[in-house]
Amino acid sequence: MCERTARPIGAESLVALLEGGLDRVLLIDSRPFVEYNACHILEAVNVNCSKLMKRRLQQDKIQISELLQHSAKRK
């Protein structure tokens, strides 16, 4: 698995990535499940996490794989 850092992107960048093929993109929706369930992008995966975890991810203090493992353990 290729480790990459996570970063917020704008709507236009997301559209370009999705048009390039979903095999290249893992779209993580980190909103609470109720918000995700009300409206989300098809193929998005809901991984609810704390603000602290989101901040650590954006600061490259943790990797995506760690976030997913942490989320999977809670479920």
PDB file of N, CA and C in Angstrom:
ATOM      1  N   MET A   1       0.843  -1.174   0.000  1.00  0.00           N
ATOM      2  CA  MET A   1       0.000   0.000   0.000  1.00  0.00           C
ATOM      3  C   MET A   1       0.887   1.234   0.000  1.00  0.00           C
ATOM      4  N   CYS A   2       0.539   2.203  -0.748  1.00  0.00           N
ATOM      5  CA  CYS A   2       1.295   3.437  -0.857  1.00  0.00           C
ATOM      6  C   CYS A   2       0.855   4.420   0.223  1.00  0.00           C
ATOM      7  N   GLU A   3       1.789   4.859   1.056  1.00  0.00           N
ATOM      8  CA  GLU A   3       1.473   5.831   2.094  1.00  0.00           C
ATOM      9  C   GLU A   3       1.533   7.237   1.523  1.00  0.00           C
ATOM     10  N   ARG A   4       0.497   7.992   1.725  1.00  0.00           N
ATOM     11  CA  ARG A   4       0.463   9.381   1.286  1.00  0.00           C
ATOM     12  C   ARG A   4      -0.108  10.213   2.398  1.00  0.00           C
ATOM     13  N   THR A   5       0.234  11.457   2.396  1.00  0.00           N
ATOM     14  CA  THR A   5      -0.304  12.342   3.409  1.00  0.00           C
ATOM     15  C   THR A   5      -1.698  12.789   3.003  1.00  0.00           C
ATOM     16  N   ALA A   6      -2.499  13.111   3.984  1.00  0.00           N
ATOM     17  CA  ALA A   6      -3.856  13.595   3.729  1.00  0.00           C
ATOM     18  C   ALA A   6      -3.837  15.116   3.781  1.00  0.00           C
ATOM     19  N   ARG A   7      -4.675  15.684   2.933  1.00  0.00           N
ATOM     20  CA  ARG A   7      -4.786  17.140   2.947  1.00  0.00           C
ATOM     21  C   ARG A   7      -6.157  17.516   2.415  1.00  0.00           C
ATOM     22  N   PRO A   8      -6.707  18.580   2.949  1.00  0.00           N
ATOM     23  CA  PRO A   8      -7.989  19.043   2.405  1.00  0.00           C
ATOM     24  C   PRO A   8      -7.776  19.568   0.988  1.00  0.00           C
ATOM     25  N   ILE A   9      -8.765  19.361   0.130  1.00  0.00           N
ATOM     26  CA  ILE A   9      -8.694  19.887  -1.234  1.00  0.00           C
ATOM     27  C   ILE A   9     -10.013  20.562  -1.563  1.00  0.00           C
ATOM     28  N   GLY A  10      -9.981  21.399  -2.559  1.00  0.00           N
ATOM     29  CA  GLY A  10     -11.179  22.101  -2.992  1.00  0.00           C
ATOM     30  C   GLY A  10     -12.054  21.231  -3.871  1.00  0.00           C
ATOM     31  N   ALA A  11     -13.262  21.718  -4.128  1.00  0.00           N
ATOM     32  CA  ALA A  11     -14.237  20.966  -4.926  1.00  0.00           C
ATOM     33  C   ALA A  11     -13.720  20.678  -6.328  1.00  0.00           C
ATOM     34  N   GLU A  12     -13.085  21.649  -6.960  1.00  0.00           N
ATOM     35  CA  GLU A  12     -12.589  21.458  -8.322  1.00  0.00           C
ATOM     36  C   GLU A  12     -11.525  20.374  -8.382  1.00  0.00           C
ATOM     37  N   SER A  13     -10.640  20.368  -7.407  1.00  0.00           N
ATOM     38  CA  SER A  13      -9.592  19.339  -7.362  1.00  0.00           C
ATOM     39  C   SER A  13     -10.193  17.959  -7.145  1.00  0.00           C
ATOM     40  N   LEU A  14     -11.213  17.883  -6.298  1.00  0.00           N
ATOM     41  CA  LEU A  14     -11.862  16.606  -6.046  1.00  0.00           C
ATOM     42  C   LEU A  14     -12.536  16.083  -7.311  1.00  0.00           C
ATOM     43  N   VAL A  15     -13.216  16.957  -8.030  1.00  0.00           N
ATOM     44  CA  VAL A  15     -13.866  16.553  -9.278  1.00  0.00           C
ATOM     45  C   VAL A  15     -12.827  15.998 -10.250  1.00  0.00           C
ATOM     46  N   ALA A  16     -11.697  16.676 -10.372  1.00  0.00           N
ATOM     47  CA  ALA A  16     -10.648  16.211 -11.286  1.00  0.00           C
ATOM     48  C   ALA A  16     -10.127  14.834 -10.871  1.00  0.00           C
ATOM     49  N   LEU A  17      -9.937  14.620  -9.580  1.00  0.00           N
ATOM     50  CA  LEU A  17      -9.469  13.314  -9.103  1.00  0.00           C
ATOM     51  C   LEU A  17     -10.494  12.221  -9.386  1.00  0.00           C
ATOM     52  N   LEU A  18     -11.753  12.502  -9.111  1.00  0.00           N
ATOM     53  CA  LEU A  18     -12.800  11.510  -9.321  1.00  0.00           C
ATOM     54  C   LEU A  18     -12.986  11.188 -10.798  1.00  0.00           C
ATOM     55  N   GLU A  19     -12.835  12.188 -11.647  1.00  0.00           N
ATOM     56  CA  GLU A  19     -12.944  11.944 -13.081  1.00  0.00           C
ATOM     57  C   GLU A  19     -11.782  11.116 -13.599  1.00  0.00           C
ATOM     58  N   GLY A  20     -10.648  11.153 -12.867  1.00  0.00           N
ATOM     59  CA  GLY A  20      -9.481  10.371 -13.250  1.00  0.00           C
ATOM     60  C   GLY A  20      -9.637   8.892 -12.955  1.00  0.00           C
ATOM     61  N   GLY A  21     -10.648   8.536 -12.193  1.00  0.00           N
ATOM     62  CA  GLY A  21     -10.903   7.122 -11.883  1.00  0.00           C
ATOM     63  C   GLY A  21     -10.858   6.860 -10.401  1.00  0.00           C
ATOM     64  N   LEU A  22     -11.865   6.167  -9.900  1.00  0.00           N
ATOM     65  CA  LEU A  22     -11.948   5.892  -8.464  1.00  0.00           C
ATOM     66  C   LEU A  22     -10.921   4.875  -7.997  1.00  0.00           C
ATOM     67  N   ASP A  23     -10.253   4.184  -8.918  1.00  0.00           N
ATOM     68  CA  ASP A  23      -9.219   3.248  -8.502  1.00  0.00           C
ATOM     69  C   ASP A  23      -8.001   3.976  -7.937  1.00  0.00           C
ATOM     70  N   ARG A  24      -7.896   5.268  -8.179  1.00  0.00           N
ATOM     71  CA  ARG A  24      -6.772   6.071  -7.681  1.00  0.00           C
ATOM     72  C   ARG A  24      -7.111   6.820  -6.399  1.00  0.00           C
ATOM     73  N   VAL A  25      -8.386   6.824  -5.995  1.00  0.00           N
ATOM     74  CA  VAL A  25      -8.827   7.716  -4.921  1.00  0.00           C
ATOM     75  C   VAL A  25      -9.495   6.932  -3.798  1.00  0.00           C
ATOM     76  N   LEU A  26      -9.114   7.250  -2.571  1.00  0.00           N
ATOM     77  CA  LEU A  26      -9.847   6.796  -1.398  1.00  0.00           C
ATOM     78  C   LEU A  26     -10.429   8.051  -0.779  1.00  0.00           C
ATOM     79  N   LEU A  27     -11.729   8.225  -0.921  1.00  0.00           N
ATOM     80  CA  LEU A  27     -12.394   9.421  -0.426  1.00  0.00           C
ATOM     81  C   LEU A  27     -12.959   9.124   0.954  1.00  0.00           C
ATOM     82  N   ILE A  28     -12.398   9.788   1.976  1.00  0.00           N
ATOM     83  CA  ILE A  28     -12.816   9.586   3.355  1.00  0.00           C
ATOM     84  C   ILE A  28     -13.675  10.764   3.779  1.00  0.00           C
ATOM     85  N   ASP A  29     -14.874  10.466   4.227  1.00  0.00           N
ATOM     86  CA  ASP A  29     -15.797  11.470   4.751  1.00  0.00           C
ATOM     87  C   ASP A  29     -15.754  11.339   6.266  1.00  0.00           C
ATOM     88  N   SER A  30     -15.224  12.335   6.945  1.00  0.00           N
ATOM     89  CA  SER A  30     -15.015  12.222   8.389  1.00  0.00           C
ATOM     90  C   SER A  30     -16.103  12.913   9.206  1.00  0.00           C
ATOM     91  N   ARG A  31     -17.210  13.238   8.566  1.00  0.00           N
ATOM     92  CA  ARG A  31     -18.320  13.830   9.308  1.00  0.00           C
ATOM     93  C   ARG A  31     -19.025  12.760  10.137  1.00  0.00           C
ATOM     94  N   PRO A  32     -19.795  13.188  11.145  1.00  0.00           N
ATOM     95  CA  PRO A  32     -20.582  12.203  11.903  1.00  0.00           C
ATOM     96  C   PRO A  32     -21.488  11.413  10.969  1.00  0.00           C
ATOM     97  N   PHE A  33     -21.804  10.180  11.356  1.00  0.00           N
ATOM     98  CA  PHE A  33     -22.548   9.272  10.489  1.00  0.00           C
ATOM     99  C   PHE A  33     -23.887   9.850  10.035  1.00  0.00           C
ATOM    100  N   VAL A  34     -24.587  10.564  10.904  1.00  0.00           N
ATOM    101  CA  VAL A  34     -25.889  11.120  10.536  1.00  0.00           C
ATOM    102  C   VAL A  34     -25.744  12.095   9.364  1.00  0.00           C
ATOM    103  N   GLU A  35     -24.739  12.953   9.418  1.00  0.00           N
ATOM    104  CA  GLU A  35     -24.501  13.900   8.312  1.00  0.00           C
ATOM    105  C   GLU A  35     -24.073  13.152   7.048  1.00  0.00           C
ATOM    106  N   TYR A  36     -23.189  12.191   7.210  1.00  0.00           N
ATOM    107  CA  TYR A  36     -22.734  11.389   6.071  1.00  0.00           C
ATOM    108  C   TYR A  36     -23.914  10.677   5.422  1.00  0.00           C
ATOM    109  N   ASN A  37     -24.766  10.078   6.246  1.00  0.00           N
ATOM    110  CA  ASN A  37     -25.893   9.317   5.743  1.00  0.00           C
ATOM    111  C   ASN A  37     -26.918  10.212   5.042  1.00  0.00           C
ATOM    112  N   ALA A  38     -27.041  11.454   5.464  1.00  0.00           N
ATOM    113  CA  ALA A  38     -27.995  12.376   4.850  1.00  0.00           C
ATOM    114  C   ALA A  38     -27.562  12.763   3.434  1.00  0.00           C
ATOM    115  N   CYS A  39     -26.261  12.913   3.227  1.00  0.00           N
ATOM    116  CA  CYS A  39     -25.767  13.346   1.920  1.00  0.00           C
ATOM    117  C   CYS A  39     -24.256  13.121   1.851  1.00  0.00           C
ATOM    118  N   HIS A  40     -23.825  12.306   0.906  1.00  0.00           N
ATOM    119  CA  HIS A  40     -22.392  12.079   0.728  1.00  0.00           C
ATOM    120  C   HIS A  40     -22.100  11.748  -0.735  1.00  0.00           C
ATOM    121  N   ILE A  41     -20.855  11.860  -1.096  1.00  0.00           N
ATOM    122  CA  ILE A  41     -20.412  11.522  -2.440  1.00  0.00           C
ATOM    123  C   ILE A  41     -20.401   9.999  -2.564  1.00  0.00           C
ATOM    124  N   LEU A  42     -20.935   9.496  -3.673  1.00  0.00           N
ATOM    125  CA  LEU A  42     -20.936   8.054  -3.893  1.00  0.00           C
ATOM    126  C   LEU A  42     -19.512   7.520  -3.798  1.00  0.00           C
ATOM    127  N   GLU A  43     -19.365   6.354  -3.233  1.00  0.00           N
ATOM    128  CA  GLU A  43     -18.085   5.663  -3.047  1.00  0.00           C
ATOM    129  C   GLU A  43     -17.261   6.222  -1.877  1.00  0.00           C
ATOM    130  N   ALA A  44     -17.732   7.284  -1.221  1.00  0.00           N
ATOM    131  CA  ALA A  44     -17.023   7.816  -0.050  1.00  0.00           C
ATOM    132  C   ALA A  44     -17.165   6.831   1.105  1.00  0.00           C
ATOM    133  N   VAL A  45     -16.136   6.759   1.930  1.00  0.00           N
ATOM    134  CA  VAL A  45     -16.133   5.885   3.099  1.00  0.00           C
ATOM    135  C   VAL A  45     -16.229   6.772   4.332  1.00  0.00           C
ATOM    136  N   ASN A  46     -17.169   6.443   5.215  1.00  0.00           N
ATOM    137  CA  ASN A  46     -17.327   7.233   6.434  1.00  0.00           C
ATOM    138  C   ASN A  46     -16.390   6.707   7.507  1.00  0.00           C
ATOM    139  N   VAL A  47     -15.488   7.556   7.940  1.00  0.00           N
ATOM    140  CA  VAL A  47     -14.566   7.255   9.038  1.00  0.00           C
ATOM    141  C   VAL A  47     -14.655   8.433   9.984  1.00  0.00           C
ATOM    142  N   ASN A  48     -15.507   8.303  10.967  1.00  0.00           N
ATOM    143  CA  ASN A  48     -15.687   9.390  11.916  1.00  0.00           C
ATOM    144  C   ASN A  48     -14.521   9.391  12.901  1.00  0.00           C
ATOM    145  N   CYS A  49     -13.937  10.547  13.099  1.00  0.00           N
ATOM    146  CA  CYS A  49     -12.819  10.647  14.032  1.00  0.00           C
ATOM    147  C   CYS A  49     -12.885  11.997  14.743  1.00  0.00           C
ATOM    148  N   SER A  50     -12.131  12.110  15.801  1.00  0.00           N
ATOM    149  CA  SER A  50     -12.140  13.327  16.604  1.00  0.00           C
ATOM    150  C   SER A  50     -11.421  14.467  15.882  1.00  0.00           C
ATOM    151  N   LYS A  51     -11.648  15.665  16.364  1.00  0.00           N
ATOM    152  CA  LYS A  51     -10.960  16.833  15.799  1.00  0.00           C
ATOM    153  C   LYS A  51      -9.452  16.701  15.990  1.00  0.00           C
ATOM    154  N   LEU A  52      -9.055  16.115  17.106  1.00  0.00           N
ATOM    155  CA  LEU A  52      -7.627  15.914  17.366  1.00  0.00           C
ATOM    156  C   LEU A  52      -7.013  14.999  16.310  1.00  0.00           C
ATOM    157  N   MET A  53      -7.690  13.898  16.006  1.00  0.00           N
ATOM    158  CA  MET A  53      -7.171  12.986  14.985  1.00  0.00           C
ATOM    159  C   MET A  53      -7.106  13.667  13.627  1.00  0.00           C
ATOM    160  N   LYS A  54      -8.128  14.459  13.274  1.00  0.00           N
ATOM    161  CA  LYS A  54      -8.122  15.179  12.002  1.00  0.00           C
ATOM    162  C   LYS A  54      -6.941  16.145  11.938  1.00  0.00           C
ATOM    163  N   ARG A  55      -6.713  16.867  13.030  1.00  0.00           N
ATOM    164  CA  ARG A  55      -5.614  17.823  13.063  1.00  0.00           C
ATOM    165  C   ARG A  55      -4.270  17.107  12.940  1.00  0.00           C
ATOM    166  N   ARG A  56      -4.098  15.990  13.642  1.00  0.00           N
ATOM    167  CA  ARG A  56      -2.846  15.225  13.559  1.00  0.00           C
ATOM    168  C   ARG A  56      -2.617  14.705  12.145  1.00  0.00           C
ATOM    169  N   LEU A  57      -3.687  14.308  11.479  1.00  0.00           N
ATOM    170  CA  LEU A  57      -3.597  13.828  10.106  1.00  0.00           C
ATOM    171  C   LEU A  57      -3.161  14.950   9.168  1.00  0.00           C
ATOM    172  N   GLN A  58      -3.755  16.122   9.328  1.00  0.00           N
ATOM    173  CA  GLN A  58      -3.404  17.259   8.476  1.00  0.00           C
ATOM    174  C   GLN A  58      -1.987  17.753   8.725  1.00  0.00           C
ATOM    175  N   GLN A  59      -1.470  17.533   9.925  1.00  0.00           N
ATOM    176  CA  GLN A  59      -0.109  17.959  10.263  1.00  0.00           C
ATOM    177  C   GLN A  59       0.921  16.867   9.984  1.00  0.00           C
ATOM    178  N   ASP A  60       0.499  15.785   9.328  1.00  0.00           N
ATOM    179  CA  ASP A  60       1.378  14.653   9.005  1.00  0.00           C
ATOM    180  C   ASP A  60       1.973  13.980  10.231  1.00  0.00           C
ATOM    181  N   LYS A  61       1.249  14.008  11.348  1.00  0.00           N
ATOM    182  CA  LYS A  61       1.720  13.335  12.551  1.00  0.00           C
ATOM    183  C   LYS A  61       1.256  11.884  12.599  1.00  0.00           C
ATOM    184  N   ILE A  62       0.227  11.562  11.821  1.00  0.00           N
ATOM    185  CA  ILE A  62      -0.221  10.182  11.661  1.00  0.00           C
ATOM    186  C   ILE A  62      -0.496   9.936  10.179  1.00  0.00           C
ATOM    187  N   GLN A  63      -0.562   8.680   9.801  1.00  0.00           N
ATOM    188  CA  GLN A  63      -0.829   8.300   8.418  1.00  0.00           C
ATOM    189  C   GLN A  63      -2.283   7.850   8.279  1.00  0.00           C
ATOM    190  N   ILE A  64      -2.772   7.849   7.055  1.00  0.00           N
ATOM    191  CA  ILE A  64      -4.133   7.398   6.765  1.00  0.00           C
ATOM    192  C   ILE A  64      -4.353   5.989   7.313  1.00  0.00           C
ATOM    193  N   SER A  65      -3.386   5.120   7.129  1.00  0.00           N
ATOM    194  CA  SER A  65      -3.553   3.728   7.575  1.00  0.00           C
ATOM    195  C   SER A  65      -3.785   3.662   9.086  1.00  0.00           C
ATOM    196  N   GLU A  66      -3.123   4.526   9.861  1.00  0.00           N
ATOM    197  CA  GLU A  66      -3.332   4.553  11.305  1.00  0.00           C
ATOM    198  C   GLU A  66      -4.746   5.006  11.649  1.00  0.00           C
ATOM    199  N   LEU A  67      -5.233   5.992  10.925  1.00  0.00           N
ATOM    200  CA  LEU A  67      -6.594   6.482  11.144  1.00  0.00           C
ATOM    201  C   LEU A  67      -7.607   5.376  10.862  1.00  0.00           C
ATOM    202  N   LEU A  68      -7.419   4.654   9.765  1.00  0.00           N
ATOM    203  CA  LEU A  68      -8.339   3.584   9.409  1.00  0.00           C
ATOM    204  C   LEU A  68      -8.276   2.436  10.418  1.00  0.00           C
ATOM    205  N   GLN A  69      -7.082   2.103  10.888  1.00  0.00           N
ATOM    206  CA  GLN A  69      -6.942   1.044  11.889  1.00  0.00           C
ATOM    207  C   GLN A  69      -7.625   1.447  13.187  1.00  0.00           C
ATOM    208  N   HIS A  70      -7.444   2.710  13.581  1.00  0.00           N
ATOM    209  CA  HIS A  70      -8.059   3.215  14.818  1.00  0.00           C
ATOM    210  C   HIS A  70      -9.584   3.150  14.699  1.00  0.00           C
ATOM    211  N   SER A  71     -10.107   3.546  13.556  1.00  0.00           N
ATOM    212  CA  SER A  71     -11.555   3.527  13.328  1.00  0.00           C
ATOM    213  C   SER A  71     -12.091   2.096  13.328  1.00  0.00           C
ATOM    214  N   ALA A  72     -11.379   1.176  12.715  1.00  0.00           N
ATOM    215  CA  ALA A  72     -11.812  -0.211  12.611  1.00  0.00           C
ATOM    216  C   ALA A  72     -11.850  -0.867  14.001  1.00  0.00           C
ATOM    217  N   LYS A  73     -10.930  -0.510  14.885  1.00  0.00           N
ATOM    218  CA  LYS A  73     -10.893  -1.080  16.214  1.00  0.00           C
ATOM    219  C   LYS A  73     -12.110  -0.654  17.028  1.00  0.00           C
ATOM    220  N   ARG A  74     -12.586   0.588  16.805  1.00  0.00           N
ATOM    221  CA  ARG A  74     -13.757   1.066  17.541  1.00  0.00           C
ATOM    222  C   ARG A  74     -15.008   0.339  17.103  1.00  0.00           C
ATOM    223  N   LYS A  75     -15.084  -0.063  15.832  1.00  0.00           N
ATOM    224  CA  LYS A  75     -16.277  -0.749  15.320  1.00  0.00           C
ATOM    225  C   LYS A  75     -16.174  -2.205  15.649  1.00  0.00           C
TER     226      LYS A  75
END
